Amino acid sequence: MSEQEATQQNAGQPAIHERCLCREVLEQIREHLSLSPEIREHFTNSRIEFLKGIRAIIDSRIEHLSRTSQRGAKIAVD
């Protein structure tokens, strides 16, 4: 089944989201408080920024590991 066929088949079904701590906290807040669209937008933006921060940490670690593993041995050439 192609991606387009799968999309069409699932069009009538609700979207399924992966588990996300930020999303779960937001859902709990929504259950207990009435949130305006402005507040919802703020929480959406904060979730995006949180995930970008995690991505920056991962990118930094990848760069650090890549730098240290690329050290080579010097070879004398005649």
N, C-alpha and C. Protein backbone atom coordinates (compact mmCIF):
# COMPACT_ATOMS: atom_id res chain seq x y z
N MET A 1 0.85 -1.17 0.00
CA MET A 1 0.00 0.00 0.00
C MET A 1 0.89 1.23 0.00
N SER A 2 0.59 2.16 -0.88
CA SER A 2 1.39 3.38 -0.97
C SER A 2 1.05 4.31 0.19
N GLU A 3 1.91 5.30 0.40
CA GLU A 3 1.67 6.28 1.46
C GLU A 3 0.37 7.05 1.23
N GLN A 4 0.10 7.38 -0.04
CA GLN A 4 -1.12 8.12 -0.37
C GLN A 4 -2.35 7.27 -0.06
N GLU A 5 -2.31 5.98 -0.39
CA GLU A 5 -3.43 5.09 -0.10
C GLU A 5 -3.65 4.97 1.40
N ALA A 6 -2.57 4.86 2.15
CA ALA A 6 -2.67 4.76 3.60
C ALA A 6 -3.26 6.03 4.18
N THR A 7 -2.87 7.18 3.65
CA THR A 7 -3.39 8.46 4.12
C THR A 7 -4.88 8.54 3.84
N GLN A 8 -5.30 8.13 2.64
CA GLN A 8 -6.72 8.17 2.29
C GLN A 8 -7.52 7.21 3.15
N GLN A 9 -6.96 6.05 3.43
CA GLN A 9 -7.66 5.05 4.23
C GLN A 9 -7.85 5.54 5.66
N ASN A 10 -6.87 6.27 6.21
CA ASN A 10 -6.92 6.74 7.58
C ASN A 10 -7.52 8.13 7.71
N ALA A 11 -8.01 8.70 6.63
CA ALA A 11 -8.53 10.08 6.65
C ALA A 11 -9.69 10.23 7.61
N GLY A 12 -10.52 9.23 7.76
CA GLY A 12 -11.68 9.33 8.63
C GLY A 12 -11.37 9.03 10.08
N GLN A 13 -10.16 8.56 10.37
CA GLN A 13 -9.80 8.20 11.74
C GLN A 13 -9.10 9.37 12.43
N PRO A 14 -9.24 9.49 13.77
CA PRO A 14 -8.54 10.57 14.47
C PRO A 14 -7.03 10.37 14.41
N ALA A 15 -6.30 11.47 14.46
CA ALA A 15 -4.84 11.40 14.41
C ALA A 15 -4.30 10.74 15.67
N ILE A 16 -3.28 9.95 15.51
CA ILE A 16 -2.62 9.29 16.64
C ILE A 16 -1.28 9.98 16.84
N HIS A 17 -1.03 10.44 18.06
CA HIS A 17 0.21 11.14 18.36
C HIS A 17 1.11 10.23 19.19
N GLU A 18 2.41 10.37 18.95
CA GLU A 18 3.36 9.65 19.79
C GLU A 18 3.33 10.25 21.18
N ARG A 19 3.70 9.48 22.17
CA ARG A 19 3.70 9.94 23.54
C ARG A 19 4.76 11.03 23.70
N CYS A 20 4.35 12.15 24.29
CA CYS A 20 5.23 13.30 24.46
C CYS A 20 4.94 13.92 25.82
N LEU A 21 5.96 14.07 26.66
CA LEU A 21 5.78 14.63 27.99
C LEU A 21 5.10 15.99 27.93
N CYS A 22 5.55 16.83 27.02
CA CYS A 22 4.96 18.18 26.89
C CYS A 22 3.48 18.09 26.55
N ARG A 23 3.13 17.22 25.63
CA ARG A 23 1.73 17.07 25.23
C ARG A 23 0.90 16.55 26.41
N GLU A 24 1.43 15.61 27.16
CA GLU A 24 0.68 15.06 28.29
C GLU A 24 0.45 16.11 29.37
N VAL A 25 1.45 16.93 29.65
CA VAL A 25 1.28 18.01 30.63
C VAL A 25 0.23 18.99 30.14
N LEU A 26 0.29 19.35 28.89
CA LEU A 26 -0.69 20.27 28.31
C LEU A 26 -2.10 19.70 28.39
N GLU A 27 -2.26 18.41 28.12
CA GLU A 27 -3.58 17.78 28.20
C GLU A 27 -4.11 17.84 29.63
N GLN A 28 -3.25 17.62 30.61
CA GLN A 28 -3.68 17.69 32.01
C GLN A 28 -4.11 19.11 32.37
N ILE A 29 -3.37 20.09 31.89
CA ILE A 29 -3.72 21.49 32.15
C ILE A 29 -5.06 21.81 31.49
N ARG A 30 -5.25 21.37 30.26
CA ARG A 30 -6.51 21.62 29.55
C ARG A 30 -7.70 21.02 30.28
N GLU A 31 -7.49 19.87 30.91
CA GLU A 31 -8.59 19.22 31.62
C GLU A 31 -9.03 20.04 32.83
N HIS A 32 -8.09 20.72 33.47
CA HIS A 32 -8.40 21.42 34.72
C HIS A 32 -8.63 22.91 34.54
N LEU A 33 -8.18 23.50 33.47
CA LEU A 33 -8.31 24.93 33.25
C LEU A 33 -8.93 25.20 31.89
N SER A 34 -9.56 26.32 31.77
CA SER A 34 -10.07 26.76 30.48
C SER A 34 -8.98 27.61 29.82
N LEU A 35 -8.46 27.17 28.70
CA LEU A 35 -7.35 27.86 28.06
C LEU A 35 -7.82 28.62 26.83
N SER A 36 -7.37 29.87 26.74
CA SER A 36 -7.69 30.67 25.56
C SER A 36 -6.79 30.24 24.40
N PRO A 37 -7.15 30.58 23.18
CA PRO A 37 -6.30 30.25 22.03
C PRO A 37 -4.88 30.81 22.18
N GLU A 38 -4.75 32.00 22.78
CA GLU A 38 -3.43 32.60 22.98
C GLU A 38 -2.57 31.75 23.91
N ILE A 39 -3.16 31.24 24.97
CA ILE A 39 -2.43 30.39 25.91
C ILE A 39 -2.07 29.07 25.25
N ARG A 40 -2.99 28.50 24.47
CA ARG A 40 -2.70 27.25 23.76
C ARG A 40 -1.53 27.43 22.80
N GLU A 41 -1.51 28.56 22.11
CA GLU A 41 -0.41 28.83 21.18
C GLU A 41 0.91 28.93 21.94
N HIS A 42 0.89 29.56 23.11
CA HIS A 42 2.11 29.67 23.92
C HIS A 42 2.64 28.29 24.31
N PHE A 43 1.73 27.41 24.78
CA PHE A 43 2.17 26.08 25.15
C PHE A 43 2.65 25.26 23.95
N THR A 44 2.02 25.44 22.82
CA THR A 44 2.49 24.76 21.61
C THR A 44 3.90 25.22 21.25
N ASN A 45 4.12 26.54 21.30
CA ASN A 45 5.45 27.08 20.99
C ASN A 45 6.48 26.61 22.01
N SER A 46 6.09 26.53 23.29
CA SER A 46 7.05 26.09 24.30
C SER A 46 7.41 24.62 24.09
N ARG A 47 6.43 23.81 23.66
CA ARG A 47 6.72 22.40 23.38
C ARG A 47 7.71 22.28 22.22
N ILE A 48 7.52 23.10 21.20
CA ILE A 48 8.43 23.09 20.06
C ILE A 48 9.83 23.49 20.50
N GLU A 49 9.93 24.55 21.31
CA GLU A 49 11.24 25.01 21.79
C GLU A 49 11.92 23.97 22.67
N PHE A 50 11.13 23.28 23.50
CA PHE A 50 11.68 22.21 24.34
C PHE A 50 12.30 21.12 23.47
N LEU A 51 11.58 20.71 22.44
CA LEU A 51 12.08 19.66 21.54
C LEU A 51 13.30 20.13 20.76
N LYS A 52 13.33 21.41 20.37
CA LYS A 52 14.51 21.95 19.69
C LYS A 52 15.71 21.93 20.63
N GLY A 53 15.47 22.19 21.92
CA GLY A 53 16.55 22.13 22.90
C GLY A 53 17.11 20.73 23.02
N ILE A 54 16.24 19.74 23.05
CA ILE A 54 16.69 18.33 23.10
C ILE A 54 17.49 18.00 21.85
N ARG A 55 17.01 18.49 20.69
CA ARG A 55 17.72 18.25 19.43
C ARG A 55 19.11 18.88 19.48
N ALA A 56 19.22 20.09 20.05
CA ALA A 56 20.52 20.76 20.15
C ALA A 56 21.48 19.97 21.04
N ILE A 57 20.95 19.40 22.13
CA ILE A 57 21.79 18.58 23.01
C ILE A 57 22.30 17.36 22.25
N ILE A 58 21.42 16.70 21.52
CA ILE A 58 21.81 15.51 20.75
C ILE A 58 22.82 15.87 19.68
N ASP A 59 22.58 16.96 18.94
CA ASP A 59 23.51 17.40 17.90
C ASP A 59 24.88 17.70 18.48
N SER A 60 24.91 18.35 19.65
CA SER A 60 26.17 18.68 20.30
C SER A 60 26.93 17.41 20.68
N ARG A 61 26.20 16.44 21.21
CA ARG A 61 26.84 15.18 21.62
C ARG A 61 27.36 14.42 20.40
N ILE A 62 26.59 14.41 19.32
CA ILE A 62 27.04 13.74 18.10
C ILE A 62 28.30 14.41 17.58
N GLU A 63 28.33 15.74 17.57
CA GLU A 63 29.51 16.46 17.11
C GLU A 63 30.72 16.14 17.98
N HIS A 64 30.53 16.10 19.29
CA HIS A 64 31.63 15.79 20.21
C HIS A 64 32.17 14.38 19.96
N LEU A 65 31.27 13.41 19.82
CA LEU A 65 31.71 12.04 19.58
C LEU A 65 32.36 11.88 18.22
N SER A 66 31.90 12.60 17.23
CA SER A 66 32.47 12.52 15.89
C SER A 66 33.88 13.09 15.87
N ARG A 67 34.09 14.18 16.60
CA ARG A 67 35.42 14.80 16.66
C ARG A 67 36.43 13.89 17.30
N THR A 68 36.09 13.27 18.42
CA THR A 68 37.05 12.45 19.14
C THR A 68 37.35 11.14 18.43
N SER A 69 36.43 10.62 17.64
CA SER A 69 36.66 9.34 16.99
C SER A 69 37.41 9.49 15.66
N GLN A 70 37.60 10.70 15.17
CA GLN A 70 38.27 10.88 13.89
C GLN A 70 39.78 11.08 14.02
N ARG A 71 40.30 10.93 15.19
CA ARG A 71 41.74 11.05 15.35
C ARG A 71 42.42 9.85 14.70
N GLY A 72 43.39 10.13 13.90
CA GLY A 72 44.10 9.06 13.21
C GLY A 72 45.55 9.00 13.67
N ALA A 73 46.20 7.97 13.25
CA ALA A 73 47.62 7.79 13.59
C ALA A 73 48.47 8.42 12.49
N LYS A 74 49.56 9.06 12.88
CA LYS A 74 50.47 9.63 11.88
C LYS A 74 51.34 8.51 11.34
N ILE A 75 51.50 8.53 10.03
CA ILE A 75 52.30 7.53 9.36
C ILE A 75 53.44 8.24 8.63
N ALA A 76 54.65 7.78 8.89
CA ALA A 76 55.81 8.37 8.21
C ALA A 76 55.86 7.85 6.78
N VAL A 77 56.02 8.78 5.83
CA VAL A 77 56.07 8.41 4.43
C VAL A 77 57.50 8.67 3.93
N ASP A 78 58.10 7.71 3.26
CA ASP A 78 59.46 7.87 2.74
C ASP A 78 59.49 8.65 1.47
